[in-house]
Structures are given as C-alpha cells and as structure tokens.
C-alpha atoms as a PDB file:
ATOM      1  CA  MET A   1     -14.323 128.932 168.921  1.00  0.00           C
ATOM      2  CA  SER A   2     -12.384 127.879 165.941  1.00  0.00           C
ATOM      3  CA  LYS A   3      -9.119 129.932 165.561  1.00  0.00           C
ATOM      4  CA  ALA A   4      -7.784 131.936 162.586  1.00  0.00           C
ATOM      5  CA  ARG A   5      -6.010 130.314 159.805  1.00  0.00           C
ATOM      6  CA  PHE A   6      -3.265 132.759 158.528  1.00  0.00           C
ATOM      7  CA  LEU A   7       0.016 130.898 159.726  1.00  0.00           C
ATOM      8  CA  LEU A   8      -0.766 127.865 157.370  1.00  0.00           C
ATOM      9  CA  PRO A   9       0.794 129.042 154.073  1.00  0.00           C
ATOM     10  CA  PHE A  10       3.970 130.551 155.359  1.00  0.00           C
ATOM     11  CA  THR A  11       4.757 127.656 157.477  1.00  0.00           C
ATOM     12  CA  ILE A  12       4.315 125.027 154.728  1.00  0.00           C
ATOM     13  CA  LEU A  13       6.196 126.932 152.252  1.00  0.00           C
ATOM     14  CA  LEU A  14       9.222 126.802 154.859  1.00  0.00           C
ATOM     15  CA  ILE A  15       9.025 123.108 155.495  1.00  0.00           C
ATOM     16  CA  LEU A  16       8.959 122.239 151.615  1.00  0.00           C
ATOM     17  CA  GLY A  17      11.688 125.016 150.556  1.00  0.00           C
ATOM     18  CA  CYS A  18      14.136 124.184 153.123  1.00  0.00           C
ATOM     19  CA  THR A  19      14.669 120.343 153.172  1.00  0.00           C
ATOM     20  CA  PRO A  20      16.663 119.425 150.301  1.00  0.00           C
ATOM     21  CA  LYS A  21      18.562 116.441 152.188  1.00  0.00           C
ATOM     22  CA  GLY A  22      15.399 114.719 153.255  1.00  0.00           C
ATOM     23  CA  GLU A  23      12.185 113.566 151.519  1.00  0.00           C
ATOM     24  CA  VAL A  24       9.147 115.437 152.831  1.00  0.00           C
ATOM     25  CA  SER A  25       5.375 113.907 153.007  1.00  0.00           C
ATOM     26  CA  THR A  26       2.472 115.559 153.598  1.00  0.00           C
ATOM     27  CA  ILE A  27      -1.347 114.675 153.867  1.00  0.00           C
ATOM     28  CA  THR A  28      -4.242 116.977 153.632  1.00  0.00           C
ATOM     29  CA  PHE A  29      -7.726 116.250 154.895  1.00  0.00           C
ATOM     30  CA  PRO A  30     -10.777 117.640 156.399  1.00  0.00           C
ATOM     31  CA  GLY A  31     -12.005 117.283 159.755  1.00  0.00           C
ATOM     32  CA  LEU A  32     -12.920 119.249 163.098  1.00  0.00           C
ATOM     33  CA  GLY A  33     -14.693 121.697 160.848  1.00  0.00           C
ATOM     34  CA  THR A  34     -11.560 123.059 158.968  1.00  0.00           C
ATOM     35  CA  VAL A  35      -8.550 121.730 156.934  1.00  0.00           C
ATOM     36  CA  LEU A  36      -5.856 119.365 158.496  1.00  0.00           C
ATOM     37  CA  ASN A  37      -2.611 119.044 157.473  1.00  0.00           C
ATOM     38  CA  VAL A  38       0.473 116.860 158.599  1.00  0.00           C
ATOM     39  CA  VAL A  39       3.897 117.395 157.120  1.00  0.00           C
ATOM     40  CA  TYR A  40       6.702 115.319 158.222  1.00  0.00           C
ATOM     41  CA  GLN A  41      10.097 114.624 156.947  1.00  0.00           C
ATOM     42  CA  GLY A  42      10.785 110.914 155.433  1.00  0.00           C
ATOM     43  CA  GLU A  43       9.162 108.572 153.104  1.00  0.00           C
ATOM     44  CA  ALA A  44       5.105 108.584 153.306  1.00  0.00           C
ATOM     45  CA  ASP A  45       4.036 106.112 156.072  1.00  0.00           C
ATOM     46  CA  SER A  46       0.373 105.153 155.221  1.00  0.00           C
ATOM     47  CA  SER A  47      -0.322 103.578 158.463  1.00  0.00           C
ATOM     48  CA  ALA A  48       0.694 106.561 160.362  1.00  0.00           C
ATOM     49  CA  GLU A  49      -0.995 108.824 158.230  1.00  0.00           C
ATOM     50  CA  ASN A  50      -4.464 106.400 158.450  1.00  0.00           C
ATOM     51  CA  GLU A  51      -4.151 106.444 162.322  1.00  0.00           C
ATOM     52  CA  VAL A  52      -3.961 110.213 162.163  1.00  0.00           C
ATOM     53  CA  LYS A  53      -6.896 110.805 159.811  1.00  0.00           C
ATOM     54  CA  ALA A  54      -8.981 108.100 161.995  1.00  0.00           C
ATOM     55  CA  ASP A  55      -8.180 109.898 165.377  1.00  0.00           C
ATOM     56  CA  ALA A  56      -9.159 112.777 164.343  1.00  0.00           C
ATOM     57  CA  ALA A  57     -12.344 111.688 163.287  1.00  0.00           C
ATOM     58  CA  ALA A  58     -13.054 109.926 166.501  1.00  0.00           C
ATOM     59  CA  VAL A  59     -11.869 113.171 168.362  1.00  0.00           C
ATOM     60  CA  GLU A  60     -14.624 115.278 166.518  1.00  0.00           C
ATOM     61  CA  ALA A  61     -17.350 112.353 166.898  1.00  0.00           C
ATOM     62  CA  ASP A  62     -16.568 112.458 170.687  1.00  0.00           C
ATOM     63  CA  PHE A  63     -16.330 116.082 171.464  1.00  0.00           C
ATOM     64  CA  SER A  64     -18.355 118.037 168.740  1.00  0.00           C
ATOM     65  CA  TYR A  65     -20.873 120.257 170.296  1.00  0.00           C
ATOM     66  CA  TYR A  66     -22.927 120.213 166.848  1.00  0.00           C
ATOM     67  CA  ARG A  67     -23.174 116.459 166.471  1.00  0.00           C
ATOM     68  CA  PRO A  68     -26.256 115.071 168.413  1.00  0.00           C
ATOM     69  CA  ASP A  69     -24.749 111.798 168.967  1.00  0.00           C
ATOM     70  CA  SER A  70     -21.187 113.176 170.482  1.00  0.00           C
ATOM     71  CA  TRP A  71     -20.763 112.924 174.278  1.00  0.00           C
ATOM     72  CA  VAL A  72     -20.593 116.787 174.598  1.00  0.00           C
ATOM     73  CA  SER A  73     -24.275 116.558 173.065  1.00  0.00           C
ATOM     74  CA  LYS A  74     -25.223 113.683 175.260  1.00  0.00           C
ATOM     75  CA  LEU A  75     -24.139 115.378 178.489  1.00  0.00           C
ATOM     76  CA  ASN A  76     -25.917 118.911 177.454  1.00  0.00           C
ATOM     77  CA  LYS A  77     -29.101 116.748 176.946  1.00  0.00           C
ATOM     78  CA  ASN A  78     -28.977 114.636 179.560  1.00  0.00           C
ATOM     79  CA  ALA A  79     -26.401 115.246 182.588  1.00  0.00           C
ATOM     80  CA  ALA A  80     -28.727 117.718 184.549  1.00  0.00           C
ATOM     81  CA  LYS A  81     -31.563 114.815 184.691  1.00  0.00           C
ATOM     82  CA  GLU A  82     -29.198 112.347 185.756  1.00  0.00           C
ATOM     83  CA  PRO A  83     -25.291 111.572 185.996  1.00  0.00           C
ATOM     84  CA  VAL A  84     -23.944 110.205 182.510  1.00  0.00           C
ATOM     85  CA  SER A  85     -21.313 107.530 182.508  1.00  0.00           C
ATOM     86  CA  VAL A  86     -18.610 108.497 179.733  1.00  0.00           C
ATOM     87  CA  PRO A  87     -15.436 107.055 178.425  1.00  0.00           C
ATOM     88  CA  ASP A  88     -12.229 107.393 180.431  1.00  0.00           C
ATOM     89  CA  HIS A  89     -10.484 109.876 177.706  1.00  0.00           C
ATOM     90  CA  VAL A  90     -13.819 111.921 177.944  1.00  0.00           C
ATOM     91  CA  CYS A  91     -14.186 112.399 181.611  1.00  0.00           C
ATOM     92  CA  ARG A  92     -10.320 113.359 181.768  1.00  0.00           C
ATOM     93  CA  LEU A  93     -10.519 115.958 179.208  1.00  0.00           C
ATOM     94  CA  ILE A  94     -13.822 117.862 180.602  1.00  0.00           C
ATOM     95  CA  ARG A  95     -12.077 117.553 184.021  1.00  0.00           C
ATOM     96  CA  GLU A  96      -8.706 119.168 182.674  1.00  0.00           C
ATOM     97  CA  SER A  97     -10.484 121.737 180.675  1.00  0.00           C
ATOM     98  CA  LEU A  98     -12.539 122.314 184.012  1.00  0.00           C
ATOM     99  CA  GLU A  99      -9.146 122.677 185.942  1.00  0.00           C
ATOM    100  CA  LEU A 100      -7.489 124.865 183.048  1.00  0.00           C
ATOM    101  CA  GLY A 101     -10.351 127.143 182.677  1.00  0.00           C
ATOM    102  CA  GLU A 102      -9.985 127.908 186.699  1.00  0.00           C
ATOM    103  CA  LYS A 103      -6.386 128.547 186.408  1.00  0.00           C
ATOM    104  CA  SER A 104      -7.123 131.034 183.767  1.00  0.00           C
ATOM    105  CA  GLY A 105      -9.203 133.093 185.961  1.00  0.00           C
ATOM    106  CA  GLY A 106     -12.199 132.497 184.442  1.00  0.00           C
ATOM    107  CA  TYR A 107     -11.291 133.818 180.896  1.00  0.00           C
ATOM    108  CA  PHE A 108     -11.694 130.368 179.368  1.00  0.00           C
ATOM    109  CA  ASP A 109     -14.703 128.432 180.388  1.00  0.00           C
ATOM    110  CA  ILE A 110     -16.278 125.303 178.942  1.00  0.00           C
ATOM    111  CA  THR A 111     -19.977 126.235 180.389  1.00  0.00           C
ATOM    112  CA  TYR A 112     -19.473 129.514 178.106  1.00  0.00           C
ATOM    113  CA  LYS A 113     -22.312 128.020 176.153  1.00  0.00           C
ATOM    114  CA  SER A 114     -24.783 128.376 178.624  1.00  0.00           C
ATOM    115  CA  GLN A 115     -24.795 131.888 177.613  1.00  0.00           C
ATOM    116  CA  GLY A 116     -23.281 131.684 174.522  1.00  0.00           C
ATOM    117  CA  ALA A 117     -25.945 129.515 173.016  1.00  0.00           C
ATOM    118  CA  LEU A 118     -28.321 132.222 173.204  1.00  0.00           C
ATOM    119  CA  TRP A 119     -26.588 133.967 170.124  1.00  0.00           C
ATOM    120  CA  GLU A 120     -26.980 131.243 168.301  1.00  0.00           C
ATOM    121  CA  GLU A 121     -30.753 130.251 169.139  1.00  0.00           C
ATOM    122  CA  ASN A 122     -32.483 133.535 169.855  1.00  0.00           C
ATOM    123  CA  GLY A 123     -34.409 133.556 166.834  1.00  0.00           C
ATOM    124  CA  GLY A 124     -31.776 136.269 165.064  1.00  0.00           C
ATOM    125  CA  SER A 125     -31.749 138.642 167.540  1.00  0.00           C
ATOM    126  CA  VAL A 126     -29.043 139.766 169.606  1.00  0.00           C
ATOM    127  CA  PRO A 127     -29.843 138.616 173.319  1.00  0.00           C
ATOM    128  CA  THR A 128     -31.001 141.103 175.634  1.00  0.00           C
ATOM    129  CA  ASP A 129     -29.142 141.737 178.796  1.00  0.00           C
ATOM    130  CA  SER A 130     -31.447 140.394 180.833  1.00  0.00           C
ATOM    131  CA  GLU A 131     -31.742 137.338 179.055  1.00  0.00           C
ATOM    132  CA  LEU A 132     -27.755 136.864 179.153  1.00  0.00           C
ATOM    133  CA  GLU A 133     -28.168 137.449 182.677  1.00  0.00           C
ATOM    134  CA  ASP A 134     -30.819 134.973 183.537  1.00  0.00           C
ATOM    135  CA  LYS A 135     -28.433 132.574 181.657  1.00  0.00           C
ATOM    136  CA  LYS A 136     -25.199 133.319 184.003  1.00  0.00           C
ATOM    137  CA  ARG A 137     -26.128 130.994 186.787  1.00  0.00           C
ATOM    138  CA  PHE A 138     -25.481 128.541 184.489  1.00  0.00           C
ATOM    139  CA  VAL A 139     -22.015 129.648 183.838  1.00  0.00           C
ATOM    140  CA  GLY A 140     -18.809 128.152 185.636  1.00  0.00           C
ATOM    141  CA  GLY A 141     -17.162 125.156 186.526  1.00  0.00           C
ATOM    142  CA  ASP A 142     -18.680 124.674 189.963  1.00  0.00           C
ATOM    143  CA  LYS A 143     -21.873 123.678 188.422  1.00  0.00           C
ATOM    144  CA  ILE A 144     -20.429 120.649 187.207  1.00  0.00           C
ATOM    145  CA  GLU A 145     -19.939 117.411 189.470  1.00  0.00           C
ATOM    146  CA  ILE A 146     -17.135 115.094 188.025  1.00  0.00           C
ATOM    147  CA  ASP A 147     -15.882 111.693 189.215  1.00  0.00           C
ATOM    148  CA  CYS A 148     -13.275 110.411 186.969  1.00  0.00           C
ATOM    149  CA  GLU A 149     -12.578 107.216 189.361  1.00  0.00           C
ATOM    150  CA  LYS A 150     -16.111 106.338 188.178  1.00  0.00           C
ATOM    151  CA  ASN A 151     -16.194 107.982 184.768  1.00  0.00           C
ATOM    152  CA  VAL A 152     -19.455 109.820 185.798  1.00  0.00           C
ATOM    153  CA  ILE A 153     -20.173 113.437 185.093  1.00  0.00           C
ATOM    154  CA  ARG A 154     -23.372 115.493 186.515  1.00  0.00           C
ATOM    155  CA  PHE A 155     -24.650 118.817 185.711  1.00  0.00           C
ATOM    156  CA  LYS A 156     -25.985 120.354 188.897  1.00  0.00           C
ATOM    157  CA  TYR A 157     -28.877 122.434 186.804  1.00  0.00           C
ATOM    158  CA  ASP A 158     -30.994 122.335 183.973  1.00  0.00           C
ATOM    159  CA  GLY A 159     -29.535 124.847 181.807  1.00  0.00           C
ATOM    160  CA  VAL A 160     -25.641 124.289 182.008  1.00  0.00           C
ATOM    161  CA  LYS A 161     -24.177 123.665 178.664  1.00  0.00           C
ATOM    162  CA  ILE A 162     -20.691 122.886 177.413  1.00  0.00           C
ATOM    163  CA  ASP A 163     -18.547 123.240 174.582  1.00  0.00           C
ATOM    164  CA  LEU A 164     -15.041 121.999 174.149  1.00  0.00           C
ATOM    165  CA  GLY A 165     -14.200 124.147 171.077  1.00  0.00           C
ATOM    166  CA  GLY A 166     -11.586 126.240 172.652  1.00  0.00           C
ATOM    167  CA  VAL A 167      -9.821 123.057 173.507  1.00  0.00           C
ATOM    168  CA  ALA A 168     -10.639 119.884 171.400  1.00  0.00           C
ATOM    169  CA  LYS A 169      -8.657 120.883 168.551  1.00  0.00           C
ATOM    170  CA  GLY A 170      -5.455 121.264 170.423  1.00  0.00           C
ATOM    171  CA  TYR A 171      -5.893 118.247 172.003  1.00  0.00           C
ATOM    172  CA  ALA A 172      -6.479 116.551 168.725  1.00  0.00           C
ATOM    173  CA  ILE A 173      -2.981 117.813 167.379  1.00  0.00           C
ATOM    174  CA  ASP A 174      -1.214 116.300 170.574  1.00  0.00           C
ATOM    175  CA  ARG A 175      -2.743 113.183 169.913  1.00  0.00           C
ATOM    176  CA  ALA A 176      -1.751 112.992 166.391  1.00  0.00           C
ATOM    177  CA  GLY A 177       1.482 114.029 167.690  1.00  0.00           C
ATOM    178  CA  GLU A 178       1.877 111.339 169.966  1.00  0.00           C
ATOM    179  CA  ILE A 179       0.696 108.831 166.781  1.00  0.00           C
ATOM    180  CA  LEU A 180       3.481 109.933 164.652  1.00  0.00           C
ATOM    181  CA  LYS A 181       6.219 109.410 167.249  1.00  0.00           C
ATOM    182  CA  ARG A 182       5.241 106.180 167.763  1.00  0.00           C
ATOM    183  CA  HIS A 183       5.590 105.528 164.290  1.00  0.00           C
ATOM    184  CA  GLY A 184       9.122 106.809 164.536  1.00  0.00           C
ATOM    185  CA  ILE A 185       8.497 110.028 163.199  1.00  0.00           C
ATOM    186  CA  SER A 186      10.111 112.941 164.881  1.00  0.00           C
ATOM    187  CA  ASP A 187      10.220 116.042 162.743  1.00  0.00           C
ATOM    188  CA  PHE A 188       6.789 117.233 161.558  1.00  0.00           C
ATOM    189  CA  ILE A 189       4.431 119.873 161.913  1.00  0.00           C
ATOM    190  CA  VAL A 190       0.541 118.570 162.719  1.00  0.00           C
ATOM    191  CA  ASN A 191      -1.489 121.739 161.482  1.00  0.00           C
ATOM    192  CA  TYR A 192      -5.118 121.525 162.286  1.00  0.00           C
ATOM    193  CA  GLY A 193      -6.814 124.866 160.885  1.00  0.00           C
ATOM    194  CA  GLY A 194      -3.753 127.276 161.725  1.00  0.00           C
ATOM    195  CA  ASP A 195      -3.305 125.607 165.425  1.00  0.00           C
ATOM    196  CA  MET A 196      -0.135 123.670 165.338  1.00  0.00           C
ATOM    197  CA  LEU A 197       2.485 121.237 167.108  1.00  0.00           C
ATOM    198  CA  VAL A 198       5.997 121.687 165.527  1.00  0.00           C
ATOM    199  CA  CYS A 199       8.512 118.869 166.785  1.00  0.00           C
ATOM    200  CA  GLY A 200      12.323 118.361 165.881  1.00  0.00           C
ATOM    201  CA  GLN A 201      13.656 120.285 163.209  1.00  0.00           C
ATOM    202  CA  LYS A 202      14.347 120.735 159.441  1.00  0.00           C
ATOM    203  CA  ASN A 203      17.582 118.891 158.958  1.00  0.00           C
ATOM    204  CA  GLY A 204      19.118 120.061 161.877  1.00  0.00           C
ATOM    205  CA  LYS A 205      17.908 123.670 161.695  1.00  0.00           C
ATOM    206  CA  LYS A 206      15.454 125.452 163.449  1.00  0.00           C
ATOM    207  CA  TRP A 207      12.017 125.639 162.277  1.00  0.00           C
ATOM    208  CA  THR A 208      10.622 129.703 161.474  1.00  0.00           C
ATOM    209  CA  ILE A 209       7.321 130.572 161.995  1.00  0.00           C
ATOM    210  CA  GLY A 210       5.717 133.494 160.579  1.00  0.00           C
ATOM    211  CA  ILE A 211       2.861 135.718 162.212  1.00  0.00           C
ATOM    212  CA  LYS A 212       1.201 137.767 159.023  1.00  0.00           C
ATOM    213  CA  ASN A 213      -0.802 140.812 159.347  1.00  0.00           C
ATOM    214  CA  PRO A 214      -4.381 139.166 158.736  1.00  0.00           C
ATOM    215  CA  GLU A 215      -5.650 142.180 156.800  1.00  0.00           C
ATOM    216  CA  ASN A 216      -2.622 142.147 154.446  1.00  0.00           C
ATOM    217  CA  PRO A 217      -1.151 138.759 153.993  1.00  0.00           C
ATOM    218  CA  GLN A 218       2.101 139.989 152.082  1.00  0.00           C
ATOM    219  CA  GLN A 219       3.008 141.775 155.540  1.00  0.00           C
ATOM    220  CA  MET A 220       5.230 139.781 157.972  1.00  0.00           C
ATOM    221  CA  LEU A 221       4.915 141.166 161.654  1.00  0.00           C
ATOM    222  CA  LYS A 222       7.206 139.035 162.968  1.00  0.00           C
ATOM    223  CA  LYS A 223       9.147 135.994 162.785  1.00  0.00           C
ATOM    224  CA  ILE A 224       9.640 133.341 165.564  1.00  0.00           C
ATOM    225  CA  GLU A 225      12.517 130.552 165.410  1.00  0.00           C
ATOM    226  CA  PHE A 226      12.082 127.521 167.590  1.00  0.00           C
ATOM    227  CA  GLY A 227      13.326 123.707 167.430  1.00  0.00           C
ATOM    228  CA  ALA A 228      15.616 122.094 169.552  1.00  0.00           C
ATOM    229  CA  GLU A 229      16.155 118.355 168.649  1.00  0.00           C
ATOM    230  CA  ASN A 230      13.114 116.366 170.176  1.00  0.00           C
ATOM    231  CA  GLU A 231      11.453 119.227 171.200  1.00  0.00           C
ATOM    232  CA  CYS A 232       7.703 120.037 170.319  1.00  0.00           C
ATOM    233  CA  ILE A 233       6.132 123.581 170.292  1.00  0.00           C
ATOM    234  CA  GLY A 234       2.584 124.327 170.668  1.00  0.00           C
ATOM    235  CA  ILE A 235       1.351 127.431 168.472  1.00  0.00           C
ATOM    236  CA  ALA A 236      -2.454 128.722 168.257  1.00  0.00           C
ATOM    237  CA  THR A 237      -4.115 131.619 167.279  1.00  0.00           C
ATOM    238  CA  SER A 238      -7.248 133.260 167.961  1.00  0.00           C
ATOM    239  CA  GLY A 239      -8.980 136.152 166.153  1.00  0.00           C
ATOM    240  CA  ASP A 240     -12.077 137.848 164.948  1.00  0.00           C
ATOM    241  CA  TYR A 241     -11.143 139.147 161.365  1.00  0.00           C
ATOM    242  CA  GLU A 242     -11.811 135.529 159.848  1.00  0.00           C
ATOM    243  CA  ARG A 243     -14.552 133.771 162.129  1.00  0.00           C
ATOM    244  CA  PHE A 244     -17.664 135.706 163.055  1.00  0.00           C
ATOM    245  CA  PHE A 245     -21.375 135.383 162.807  1.00  0.00           C
ATOM    246  CA  THR A 246     -23.976 138.071 161.739  1.00  0.00           C
ATOM    247  CA  ILE A 247     -27.267 139.393 163.536  1.00  0.00           C
ATOM    248  CA  GLY A 248     -29.091 142.157 161.802  1.00  0.00           C
ATOM    249  CA  GLY A 249     -26.532 143.137 159.644  1.00  0.00           C
ATOM    250  CA  LYS A 250     -23.803 143.334 162.146  1.00  0.00           C
ATOM    251  CA  ASN A 251     -20.863 140.873 162.675  1.00  0.00           C
ATOM    252  CA  TYR A 252     -19.787 139.751 165.923  1.00  0.00           C
ATOM    253  CA  SER A 253     -16.800 137.690 166.898  1.00  0.00           C
ATOM    254  CA  HIS A 254     -17.061 134.226 167.274  1.00  0.00           C
ATOM    255  CA  ILE A 255     -14.986 134.062 170.781  1.00  0.00           C
ATOM    256  CA  MET A 256     -17.104 134.584 173.691  1.00  0.00           C
ATOM    257  CA  ASN A 257     -16.248 136.252 177.251  1.00  0.00           C
ATOM    258  CA  PRO A 258     -17.605 133.900 179.760  1.00  0.00           C
ATOM    259  CA  LYS A 259     -17.621 136.605 182.176  1.00  0.00           C
ATOM    260  CA  THR A 260     -20.283 138.565 180.095  1.00  0.00           C
ATOM    261  CA  GLY A 261     -21.983 136.440 177.684  1.00  0.00           C
ATOM    262  CA  LYS A 262     -21.168 138.410 174.989  1.00  0.00           C
ATOM    263  CA  PRO A 263     -18.654 138.119 171.833  1.00  0.00           C
ATOM    264  CA  VAL A 264     -15.522 139.899 172.226  1.00  0.00           C
ATOM    265  CA  LYS A 265     -14.466 143.141 170.230  1.00  0.00           C
ATOM    266  CA  ASN A 266     -11.442 144.433 168.279  1.00  0.00           C
ATOM    267  CA  VAL A 267      -9.607 141.285 168.850  1.00  0.00           C
ATOM    268  CA  HIS A 268      -7.864 140.604 165.590  1.00  0.00           C
ATOM    269  CA  SER A 269      -5.484 138.282 166.467  1.00  0.00           C
ATOM    270  CA  VAL A 270      -3.867 136.444 169.456  1.00  0.00           C
ATOM    271  CA  THR A 271      -0.996 134.295 168.963  1.00  0.00           C
ATOM    272  CA  VAL A 272       0.478 131.719 171.812  1.00  0.00           C
ATOM    273  CA  THR A 273       3.296 129.268 171.904  1.00  0.00           C
ATOM    274  CA  GLY A 274       3.897 126.929 174.283  1.00  0.00           C
ATOM    275  CA  ARG A 275       4.662 123.417 175.597  1.00  0.00           C
ATOM    276  CA  ASN A 276       1.595 121.662 173.632  1.00  0.00           C
ATOM    277  CA  ALA A 277      -1.133 122.024 171.374  1.00  0.00           C
ATOM    278  CA  MET A 278      -4.048 122.037 173.699  1.00  0.00           C
ATOM    279  CA  ILE A 279      -2.175 124.485 176.006  1.00  0.00           C
ATOM    280  CA  THR A 280      -1.889 127.019 173.635  1.00  0.00           C
ATOM    281  CA  ASP A 281      -5.187 126.426 172.206  1.00  0.00           C
ATOM    282  CA  LEU A 282      -6.970 127.227 175.187  1.00  0.00           C
ATOM    283  CA  ALA A 283      -4.530 130.129 176.413  1.00  0.00           C
ATOM    284  CA  ALA A 284      -4.957 131.606 172.959  1.00  0.00           C
ATOM    285  CA  THR A 285      -8.657 132.165 173.687  1.00  0.00           C
ATOM    286  CA  ALA A 286      -8.533 133.131 177.173  1.00  0.00           C
ATOM    287  CA  ALA A 287      -5.859 135.995 176.024  1.00  0.00           C
ATOM    288  CA  ALA A 288      -8.369 136.957 173.358  1.00  0.00           C
ATOM    289  CA  VAL A 289     -10.880 137.516 175.747  1.00  0.00           C
ATOM    290  CA  ALA A 290      -8.558 139.239 178.401  1.00  0.00           C
ATOM    291  CA  ILE A 291      -6.529 140.842 176.001  1.00  0.00           C
ATOM    292  CA  TYR A 292      -7.359 144.580 177.418  1.00  0.00           C
ATOM    293  CA  ASP A 293      -6.715 143.626 180.825  1.00  0.00           C
ATOM    294  CA  GLU A 294      -2.843 143.873 180.910  1.00  0.00           C
ATOM    295  CA  ALA A 295      -2.620 142.001 184.290  1.00  0.00           C
ATOM    296  CA  ALA A 296      -4.961 139.217 183.515  1.00  0.00           C
ATOM    297  CA  VAL A 297      -2.541 138.454 180.170  1.00  0.00           C
ATOM    298  CA  LYS A 298       0.257 138.373 182.063  1.00  0.00           C
ATOM    299  CA  LYS A 299      -1.000 135.984 184.662  1.00  0.00           C
ATOM    300  CA  ILE A 300      -2.202 133.820 181.823  1.00  0.00           C
ATOM    301  CA  MET A 301       1.444 133.670 180.480  1.00  0.00           C
ATOM    302  CA  GLU A 302       2.715 132.954 183.861  1.00  0.00           C
ATOM    303  CA  LYS A 303       0.562 130.427 184.931  1.00  0.00           C
ATOM    304  CA  PHE A 304       0.457 128.608 181.521  1.00  0.00           C
ATOM    305  CA  ALA A 305       4.045 129.241 180.625  1.00  0.00           C
ATOM    306  CA  VAL A 306       3.484 130.424 176.979  1.00  0.00           C
ATOM    307  CA  LYS A 307       4.449 133.447 174.940  1.00  0.00           C
ATOM    308  CA  ILE A 308       1.479 135.815 173.480  1.00  0.00           C
ATOM    309  CA  TYR A 309       1.763 137.993 170.739  1.00  0.00           C
ATOM    310  CA  SER A 310      -1.275 140.112 169.926  1.00  0.00           C
ATOM    311  CA  LEU A 311      -2.803 142.461 167.164  1.00  0.00           C
ATOM    312  CA  SER A 312      -6.018 144.107 168.415  1.00  0.00           C
ATOM    313  CA  GLY A 313      -7.345 147.742 168.720  1.00  0.00           C
ATOM    314  CA  ASP A 314      -7.950 150.454 166.130  1.00  0.00           C
ATOM    315  CA  GLU A 315      -3.969 151.189 165.686  1.00  0.00           C
ATOM    316  CA  ARG A 316      -3.799 147.311 164.725  1.00  0.00           C
ATOM    317  CA  PHE A 317      -0.146 147.019 165.552  1.00  0.00           C
ATOM    318  CA  LEU A 318       1.660 143.584 166.917  1.00  0.00           C
ATOM    319  CA  ILE A 319       2.308 143.730 170.510  1.00  0.00           C
ATOM    320  CA  ASP A 320       4.969 141.094 171.865  1.00  0.00           C
ATOM    321  CA  TRP A 321       3.874 140.705 175.631  1.00  0.00           C
ATOM    322  CA  GLN A 322       7.309 139.347 176.365  1.00  0.00           C
ATOM    323  CA  GLN A 323       8.949 142.605 176.128  1.00  0.00           C
END
C-alpha cells in the first residue's frame, strides 16, 4: 500500500532555501520500494547516515510481503500449519498493527491480503464476487493468535495472509528519527516516498509543508505550518492517482478496502498529520478507505488524534476535515 509522493519536491525546496544560518546535509537512497530521503541541519554525520540506511534495509528485509525470506512471507507460508517463533520487534509490530486496525473500525486491516492477493494472483482477471466472498472468512484480526510474551504467532486458518505495507514505512521512518536523535540531530525531515517525520525547526522558525494538486503540481492546495521546538510531526499521503495496477485495460487503485476486498474508487489523495509517522501512515490508509463515510472519517480523526485533508470525487476539491 504505497503512498503518493507529491509532497517531496516542495518540502525539500523549503528546507534548502530557508536555512541561511546553518549547514544542511542530505542523503537519498533506494529502499522500501521507493526513494528514501533524509535532510537534517548540521554537518554531515556519516555514522548516523549509515545507520539510517542499514535500518531501512533491515525493516524491508523483515516486513516486505514480496521478499520470500521476510518474516511476513514466513508467516504467510507456515503460520497456519504451526506456530511460528519471531523476533520480539516483529511480534510487537504485528500486534500493534492488529490493535490499531481494530481501533480504525476495520478500515485498516493487515489481513486484507487474504482477499487482496486475488487481484495479483488471479491470472490477469478481476476476481468475481464469489471468489472474494470465499476469501472473506480469512479477513480480520481475530484470525490470528499472537503471544508476544513467547514471541509466537499462529494463523487459525490456511488462507489467512498478512501484508504490513500500510504501516511498515511509517514504522521505518520513526525508527530513522530515533537514530538521528541518538546521534544528537534534532532538526530534520525523514521522507520515505512522501511519508514523513518532521522534527524541530528550521533556524527557530516553523516548517511549512505544501499540499499540491496531484494532477497539477504547480497548484498549491494548502500550506500547513508546524514545528514547536523539539516537536515531531508525522505526515502521510495515500492516493490512487500515481499508484495503480491494470487488469483488462482498466486501472485499479492499489488501496484495498478490507471490508469488501475491492480497490477503492475516486480517492485521489488523503493527507494526514499526527504524532508520528506510523500512526499517520496507517490512518491515511484507513481514511482513504473510509473517505465517503463522514462519520467513519471523523472517528479515525478522533481515535488517532490526526488531522485529515482529502481530494476525492469527480469535483476534486480539497476538503479540510477540521473545518
């Protein structure tokens, strides 16, 4: 569930253009299926940079759905046959993802892949309603038994599959932020494919983040200012304008609705800000799924303490859900 990346260019220009008093360092490298970028105030710290790169690679190795040696793949292959022992951090992230999925009202669910895999493995055909219905019994956090005292996970049924793509990137971003802080770096932006953690200030001034129109990058839809000293804010954007797959000549969103097993429609972008990157990553996915249910979106805002801005429907105008 990768996110749209229209925030990156504007953000980086602001950082580089508004820091005359101090040196700015930046690294850009591939990982997690996208482009990863870190910008921080101060002289280059090769030790911090190398640790951030290595950690992003480790997160991808542990949680990628598509790597056959990842813990996610091992669980999908074996956890219905017998309990699988996993490292502590893997157990804790999966447990938290299940808990947060329940908190979202089911609009975010890592077991969505039990149905979602049909769209990738159905021989180039759109899954039928009966095929999706047959797999629906494998969707839901209650299909997983998890014990993080013993670090053991078991799937109750052969057919349950998980995918942490809607949370792993935010998790990786927060880990990168902690690494930078341990190295004494307090003013930075970690930007992994458009999902971000923004910490501190730029020379004592607030950061300004721009939400652009994905169909017209020259059009700025909204500017958001934030950045108290020593404060961190997570930002994530989910949308269908850039990431999609094609079946029979028709484009489908990469964002799946766990309640139906089908891709969402007409959700061009949903931007979420909140206390950290993992929460906003997850909440952006949940809000994109729930976007046409006003009550559900407001519950997501309340339960996750996030702000939401969306561009959806045929009219394609920005909605500030705080107003």
